[in-house]
Amino acid sequence: MMQSRDEMSLSGRIAYLACMTGLACVAGYLEMLLPFHLMGIPGVKLGIANVVTLIVLYSSGRGSAFFVMISRVLLVGLMFGSLYSIVYGLAGGTLSLLVMICLKHFDLFTITGVSAAGGTFHNIGQLIAALAMLSGFNPVFYFPLLTFSGMLSGILTGMLAAMILQRTGSFLGVFKWNDDNNEERV
């Protein structure tokens, strides 16, 4: 007999989050392999791994989403990146996720709109980290292009996450627990 959403065992939650973290790591690694460079601007990516974070945010809540995002950034950074990629990833990911949690909480946008804001603020978080870490270099002139590319990639990842959630809603509902104590809007 299957457990209800609220009765999911701790081991079931751990297994679910481990699977989602692994999926996010694979997506992050695959994204590193893609030669996607927009006019030589650093930091412009498609954000494929963020699809997993969105799915976890909407299916399991903010605490689970933070766990997956932080775990992914640390694991991918340690295995395939550097300390700088971890710092930029945590700065962008944390600001992005905080904005997405707020927008989701107030139920102002669909998942696509929440993701567009998340993509935009991810790049803003990385710019803030670059300003703090780099002396003698002002990355602010990248702001307009990074804002636009963040919004565009956020729209694409949001649409993909919405399609996945619509097609797997009943399946993912089995793995849902009350992290946020509120209803989700896809």
C-alpha atoms as a PDB file:
ATOM      1  CA  MET A   1       0.000   0.000   0.000  1.00  0.00           C
ATOM      2  CA  MET A   2       1.309   3.400  -1.000  1.00  0.00           C
ATOM      3  CA  GLN A   3       1.767   6.119   1.623  1.00  0.00           C
ATOM      4  CA  SER A   4      -0.086   9.405   1.308  1.00  0.00           C
ATOM      5  CA  ARG A   5       1.710  12.653   0.544  1.00  0.00           C
ATOM      6  CA  ASP A   6       1.920  13.707   4.171  1.00  0.00           C
ATOM      7  CA  GLU A   7       3.036  10.289   5.375  1.00  0.00           C
ATOM      8  CA  MET A   8       6.080   9.854   3.169  1.00  0.00           C
ATOM      9  CA  SER A   9       8.853   8.314   5.193  1.00  0.00           C
ATOM     10  CA  LEU A  10      12.154  10.001   5.792  1.00  0.00           C
ATOM     11  CA  SER A  11      13.919   7.360   3.704  1.00  0.00           C
ATOM     12  CA  GLY A  12      11.489   8.028   0.849  1.00  0.00           C
ATOM     13  CA  ARG A  13      12.254  11.749   1.010  1.00  0.00           C
ATOM     14  CA  ILE A  14      15.978  11.103   1.074  1.00  0.00           C
ATOM     15  CA  ALA A  15      15.725   8.776  -1.926  1.00  0.00           C
ATOM     16  CA  TYR A  16      13.602  11.285  -3.876  1.00  0.00           C
ATOM     17  CA  LEU A  17      15.960  14.187  -3.143  1.00  0.00           C
ATOM     18  CA  ALA A  18      18.994  12.053  -3.997  1.00  0.00           C
ATOM     19  CA  CYS A  19      17.446  11.140  -7.357  1.00  0.00           C
ATOM     20  CA  MET A  20      16.553  14.750  -8.108  1.00  0.00           C
ATOM     21  CA  THR A  21      20.019  15.940  -7.050  1.00  0.00           C
ATOM     22  CA  GLY A  22      21.610  13.311  -9.298  1.00  0.00           C
ATOM     23  CA  LEU A  23      19.374  14.348 -12.184  1.00  0.00           C
ATOM     24  CA  ALA A  24      20.289  18.013 -11.628  1.00  0.00           C
ATOM     25  CA  CYS A  25      24.009  17.108 -11.568  1.00  0.00           C
ATOM     26  CA  VAL A  26      23.727  15.184 -14.834  1.00  0.00           C
ATOM     27  CA  ALA A  27      21.857  18.109 -16.414  1.00  0.00           C
ATOM     28  CA  GLY A  28      24.512  20.526 -15.115  1.00  0.00           C
ATOM     29  CA  TYR A  29      27.302  18.370 -16.514  1.00  0.00           C
ATOM     30  CA  LEU A  30      25.593  18.039 -19.900  1.00  0.00           C
ATOM     31  CA  GLU A  31      25.150  21.787 -20.012  1.00  0.00           C
ATOM     32  CA  MET A  32      28.888  22.231 -19.429  1.00  0.00           C
ATOM     33  CA  LEU A  33      29.524  20.060 -22.486  1.00  0.00           C
ATOM     34  CA  LEU A  34      27.308  22.176 -24.756  1.00  0.00           C
ATOM     35  CA  PRO A  35      29.309  24.813 -26.624  1.00  0.00           C
ATOM     36  CA  PHE A  36      26.752  27.575 -26.039  1.00  0.00           C
ATOM     37  CA  HIS A  37      28.422  30.980 -26.087  1.00  0.00           C
ATOM     38  CA  LEU A  38      26.520  34.137 -26.899  1.00  0.00           C
ATOM     39  CA  MET A  39      28.911  36.704 -28.373  1.00  0.00           C
ATOM     40  CA  GLY A  40      31.644  35.663 -25.937  1.00  0.00           C
ATOM     41  CA  ILE A  41      29.706  36.875 -22.903  1.00  0.00           C
ATOM     42  CA  PRO A  42      30.644  34.826 -19.818  1.00  0.00           C
ATOM     43  CA  GLY A  43      27.814  33.391 -17.766  1.00  0.00           C
ATOM     44  CA  VAL A  44      25.250  32.931 -20.520  1.00  0.00           C
ATOM     45  CA  LYS A  45      23.845  29.406 -20.276  1.00  0.00           C
ATOM     46  CA  LEU A  46      20.613  27.630 -21.020  1.00  0.00           C
ATOM     47  CA  GLY A  47      19.947  26.677 -17.376  1.00  0.00           C
ATOM     48  CA  ILE A  48      18.950  23.071 -18.024  1.00  0.00           C
ATOM     49  CA  ALA A  49      19.726  21.997 -14.447  1.00  0.00           C
ATOM     50  CA  ASN A  50      17.314  24.645 -13.174  1.00  0.00           C
ATOM     51  CA  VAL A  51      14.431  22.651 -14.660  1.00  0.00           C
ATOM     52  CA  VAL A  52      15.020  20.101 -11.905  1.00  0.00           C
ATOM     53  CA  THR A  53      15.108  22.813  -9.233  1.00  0.00           C
ATOM     54  CA  LEU A  54      11.791  24.186 -10.509  1.00  0.00           C
ATOM     55  CA  ILE A  55      10.210  20.752 -10.506  1.00  0.00           C
ATOM     56  CA  VAL A  56      11.346  20.174  -6.923  1.00  0.00           C
ATOM     57  CA  LEU A  57      10.160  23.643  -5.860  1.00  0.00           C
ATOM     58  CA  TYR A  58       6.686  22.994  -7.266  1.00  0.00           C
ATOM     59  CA  SER A  59       6.420  19.343  -6.265  1.00  0.00           C
ATOM     60  CA  SER A  60       8.129  19.299  -2.854  1.00  0.00           C
ATOM     61  CA  GLY A  61       8.611  22.865  -1.633  1.00  0.00           C
ATOM     62  CA  ARG A  62      11.252  25.440  -0.898  1.00  0.00           C
ATOM     63  CA  GLY A  63      13.379  23.487   1.568  1.00  0.00           C
ATOM     64  CA  SER A  64      13.764  20.608  -0.857  1.00  0.00           C
ATOM     65  CA  ALA A  65      14.506  23.009  -3.710  1.00  0.00           C
ATOM     66  CA  PHE A  66      17.256  24.695  -1.689  1.00  0.00           C
ATOM     67  CA  PHE A  67      18.740  21.307  -0.825  1.00  0.00           C
ATOM     68  CA  VAL A  68      18.824  20.224  -4.482  1.00  0.00           C
ATOM     69  CA  MET A  69      20.200  23.558  -5.723  1.00  0.00           C
ATOM     70  CA  ILE A  70      22.965  23.767  -3.121  1.00  0.00           C
ATOM     71  CA  SER A  71      23.895  20.091  -3.524  1.00  0.00           C
ATOM     72  CA  ARG A  72      24.020  20.407  -7.317  1.00  0.00           C
ATOM     73  CA  VAL A  73      26.172  23.546  -7.265  1.00  0.00           C
ATOM     74  CA  LEU A  74      28.613  22.019  -4.778  1.00  0.00           C
ATOM     75  CA  LEU A  75      28.839  18.611  -6.461  1.00  0.00           C
ATOM     76  CA  VAL A  76      29.149  19.877 -10.038  1.00  0.00           C
ATOM     77  CA  GLY A  77      31.565  22.589  -8.931  1.00  0.00           C
ATOM     78  CA  LEU A  78      33.775  20.157  -7.028  1.00  0.00           C
ATOM     79  CA  MET A  79      33.745  17.509  -9.761  1.00  0.00           C
ATOM     80  CA  PHE A  80      33.921  19.611 -12.923  1.00  0.00           C
ATOM     81  CA  GLY A  81      34.432  23.252 -11.967  1.00  0.00           C
ATOM     82  CA  SER A  82      36.369  25.392  -9.563  1.00  0.00           C
ATOM     83  CA  LEU A  83      35.913  27.404  -6.407  1.00  0.00           C
ATOM     84  CA  TYR A  84      34.834  30.336  -8.565  1.00  0.00           C
ATOM     85  CA  SER A  85      32.110  28.304 -10.262  1.00  0.00           C
ATOM     86  CA  ILE A  86      30.832  27.283  -6.820  1.00  0.00           C
ATOM     87  CA  VAL A  87      30.769  30.897  -5.572  1.00  0.00           C
ATOM     88  CA  TYR A  88      29.039  32.183  -8.720  1.00  0.00           C
ATOM     89  CA  GLY A  89      26.634  29.242  -8.729  1.00  0.00           C
ATOM     90  CA  LEU A  90      25.682  29.708  -5.072  1.00  0.00           C
ATOM     91  CA  ALA A  91      25.288  33.484  -5.450  1.00  0.00           C
ATOM     92  CA  GLY A  92      23.113  33.194  -8.538  1.00  0.00           C
ATOM     93  CA  GLY A  93      21.223  30.124  -7.379  1.00  0.00           C
ATOM     94  CA  THR A  94      20.417  31.514  -3.934  1.00  0.00           C
ATOM     95  CA  LEU A  95      19.154  34.879  -5.187  1.00  0.00           C
ATOM     96  CA  SER A  96      17.230  33.188  -7.979  1.00  0.00           C
ATOM     97  CA  LEU A  97      15.579  30.666  -5.686  1.00  0.00           C
ATOM     98  CA  LEU A  98      14.651  33.327  -3.113  1.00  0.00           C
ATOM     99  CA  VAL A  99      12.918  35.375  -5.819  1.00  0.00           C
ATOM    100  CA  MET A 100      11.153  32.305  -7.215  1.00  0.00           C
ATOM    101  CA  ILE A 101       9.961  31.282  -3.733  1.00  0.00           C
ATOM    102  CA  CYS A 102       8.531  34.769  -3.128  1.00  0.00           C
ATOM    103  CA  LEU A 103       6.752  34.901  -6.481  1.00  0.00           C
ATOM    104  CA  LYS A 104       5.402  31.379  -6.046  1.00  0.00           C
ATOM    105  CA  HIS A 105       4.242  32.158  -2.502  1.00  0.00           C
ATOM    106  CA  PHE A 106       2.244  35.206  -3.610  1.00  0.00           C
ATOM    107  CA  ASP A 107       0.837  33.237  -6.555  1.00  0.00           C
ATOM    108  CA  LEU A 108       1.423  36.111  -8.966  1.00  0.00           C
ATOM    109  CA  PHE A 109       2.755  34.170 -11.945  1.00  0.00           C
ATOM    110  CA  THR A 110       2.671  30.774 -13.561  1.00  0.00           C
ATOM    111  CA  ILE A 111       5.731  28.567 -13.332  1.00  0.00           C
ATOM    112  CA  THR A 112       7.016  30.113 -16.587  1.00  0.00           C
ATOM    113  CA  GLY A 113       6.877  33.630 -15.147  1.00  0.00           C
ATOM    114  CA  VAL A 114       8.461  32.491 -11.895  1.00  0.00           C
ATOM    115  CA  SER A 115      11.235  30.830 -13.868  1.00  0.00           C
ATOM    116  CA  ALA A 116      11.790  33.941 -16.042  1.00  0.00           C
ATOM    117  CA  ALA A 117      12.285  36.024 -12.907  1.00  0.00           C
ATOM    118  CA  GLY A 118      14.538  33.303 -11.493  1.00  0.00           C
ATOM    119  CA  GLY A 119      16.721  33.273 -14.605  1.00  0.00           C
ATOM    120  CA  THR A 120      17.026  37.047 -14.527  1.00  0.00           C
ATOM    121  CA  PHE A 121      17.933  37.170 -10.838  1.00  0.00           C
ATOM    122  CA  HIS A 122      20.359  34.268 -11.220  1.00  0.00           C
ATOM    123  CA  ASN A 123      22.433  36.434 -13.540  1.00  0.00           C
ATOM    124  CA  ILE A 124      22.056  39.441 -11.219  1.00  0.00           C
ATOM    125  CA  GLY A 125      23.340  37.324  -8.319  1.00  0.00           C
ATOM    126  CA  GLN A 126      26.337  36.272 -10.366  1.00  0.00           C
ATOM    127  CA  LEU A 127      27.031  39.898 -11.322  1.00  0.00           C
ATOM    128  CA  ILE A 128      26.951  40.858  -7.639  1.00  0.00           C
ATOM    129  CA  ALA A 129      29.429  38.061  -6.887  1.00  0.00           C
ATOM    130  CA  ALA A 130      31.672  39.225  -9.745  1.00  0.00           C
ATOM    131  CA  LEU A 131      31.597  42.802  -8.448  1.00  0.00           C
ATOM    132  CA  ALA A 132      32.616  41.561  -4.996  1.00  0.00           C
ATOM    133  CA  MET A 133      35.388  39.252  -6.225  1.00  0.00           C
ATOM    134  CA  LEU A 134      36.936  40.996  -9.212  1.00  0.00           C
ATOM    135  CA  SER A 135      39.008  44.112  -8.682  1.00  0.00           C
ATOM    136  CA  GLY A 136      39.820  46.371 -11.585  1.00  0.00           C
ATOM    137  CA  PHE A 137      37.061  44.890 -13.735  1.00  0.00           C
ATOM    138  CA  ASN A 138      33.540  46.180 -13.918  1.00  0.00           C
ATOM    139  CA  PRO A 139      31.134  43.556 -15.283  1.00  0.00           C
ATOM    140  CA  VAL A 140      28.120  45.889 -15.026  1.00  0.00           C
ATOM    141  CA  PHE A 141      28.180  46.612 -18.756  1.00  0.00           C
ATOM    142  CA  TYR A 142      27.099  42.954 -19.219  1.00  0.00           C
ATOM    143  CA  PHE A 143      23.928  43.689 -17.227  1.00  0.00           C
ATOM    144  CA  PRO A 144      21.490  44.342 -20.124  1.00  0.00           C
ATOM    145  CA  LEU A 145      22.513  41.258 -22.096  1.00  0.00           C
ATOM    146  CA  LEU A 146      22.635  39.026 -19.019  1.00  0.00           C
ATOM    147  CA  THR A 147      19.210  40.274 -17.916  1.00  0.00           C
ATOM    148  CA  PHE A 148      17.702  39.518 -21.313  1.00  0.00           C
ATOM    149  CA  SER A 149      19.410  36.128 -21.638  1.00  0.00           C
ATOM    150  CA  GLY A 150      18.415  35.190 -18.076  1.00  0.00           C
ATOM    151  CA  MET A 151      14.799  36.031 -18.778  1.00  0.00           C
ATOM    152  CA  LEU A 152      14.812  34.145 -22.086  1.00  0.00           C
ATOM    153  CA  SER A 153      16.434  31.026 -20.644  1.00  0.00           C
ATOM    154  CA  GLY A 154      14.097  31.270 -17.641  1.00  0.00           C
ATOM    155  CA  ILE A 155      11.085  31.278 -19.956  1.00  0.00           C
ATOM    156  CA  LEU A 156      12.386  28.217 -21.802  1.00  0.00           C
ATOM    157  CA  THR A 157      13.208  26.280 -18.631  1.00  0.00           C
ATOM    158  CA  GLY A 158       9.880  27.296 -17.094  1.00  0.00           C
ATOM    159  CA  MET A 159       7.961  26.026 -20.119  1.00  0.00           C
ATOM    160  CA  LEU A 160       9.889  22.752 -20.005  1.00  0.00           C
ATOM    161  CA  ALA A 161       9.314  22.338 -16.257  1.00  0.00           C
ATOM    162  CA  ALA A 162       5.587  23.089 -16.701  1.00  0.00           C
ATOM    163  CA  MET A 163       5.314  20.425 -19.413  1.00  0.00           C
ATOM    164  CA  ILE A 164       7.126  17.876 -17.265  1.00  0.00           C
ATOM    165  CA  LEU A 165       4.972  18.652 -14.228  1.00  0.00           C
ATOM    166  CA  GLN A 166       1.772  18.393 -16.280  1.00  0.00           C
ATOM    167  CA  ARG A 167       2.808  15.017 -17.663  1.00  0.00           C
ATOM    168  CA  THR A 168       4.145  13.597 -14.405  1.00  0.00           C
ATOM    169  CA  GLY A 169       1.844  15.338 -11.925  1.00  0.00           C
ATOM    170  CA  SER A 170       0.182  12.230 -10.559  1.00  0.00           C
ATOM    171  CA  PHE A 171       3.522  10.428 -10.387  1.00  0.00           C
ATOM    172  CA  LEU A 172       5.288  13.303  -8.616  1.00  0.00           C
ATOM    173  CA  GLY A 173       2.290  13.724  -6.310  1.00  0.00           C
ATOM    174  CA  VAL A 174       3.284  10.457  -4.650  1.00  0.00           C
ATOM    175  CA  PHE A 175       6.620  12.043  -3.711  1.00  0.00           C
ATOM    176  CA  LYS A 176       5.168  15.264  -2.383  1.00  0.00           C
ATOM    177  CA  TRP A 177       5.248  16.275   1.243  1.00  0.00           C
ATOM    178  CA  ASN A 178       4.188  19.472   2.940  1.00  0.00           C
ATOM    179  CA  ASP A 179       7.377  21.543   2.852  1.00  0.00           C
ATOM    180  CA  ASP A 180       5.509  24.819   2.335  1.00  0.00           C
ATOM    181  CA  ASN A 181       1.971  24.097   3.578  1.00  0.00           C
ATOM    182  CA  ASN A 182       0.428  25.791   0.558  1.00  0.00           C
ATOM    183  CA  GLU A 183      -1.036  24.884  -2.789  1.00  0.00           C
ATOM    184  CA  GLU A 184       1.040  24.984  -5.947  1.00  0.00           C
ATOM    185  CA  ARG A 185       0.074  26.594  -9.252  1.00  0.00           C
ATOM    186  CA  VAL A 186       1.500  25.185 -12.471  1.00  0.00           C
END
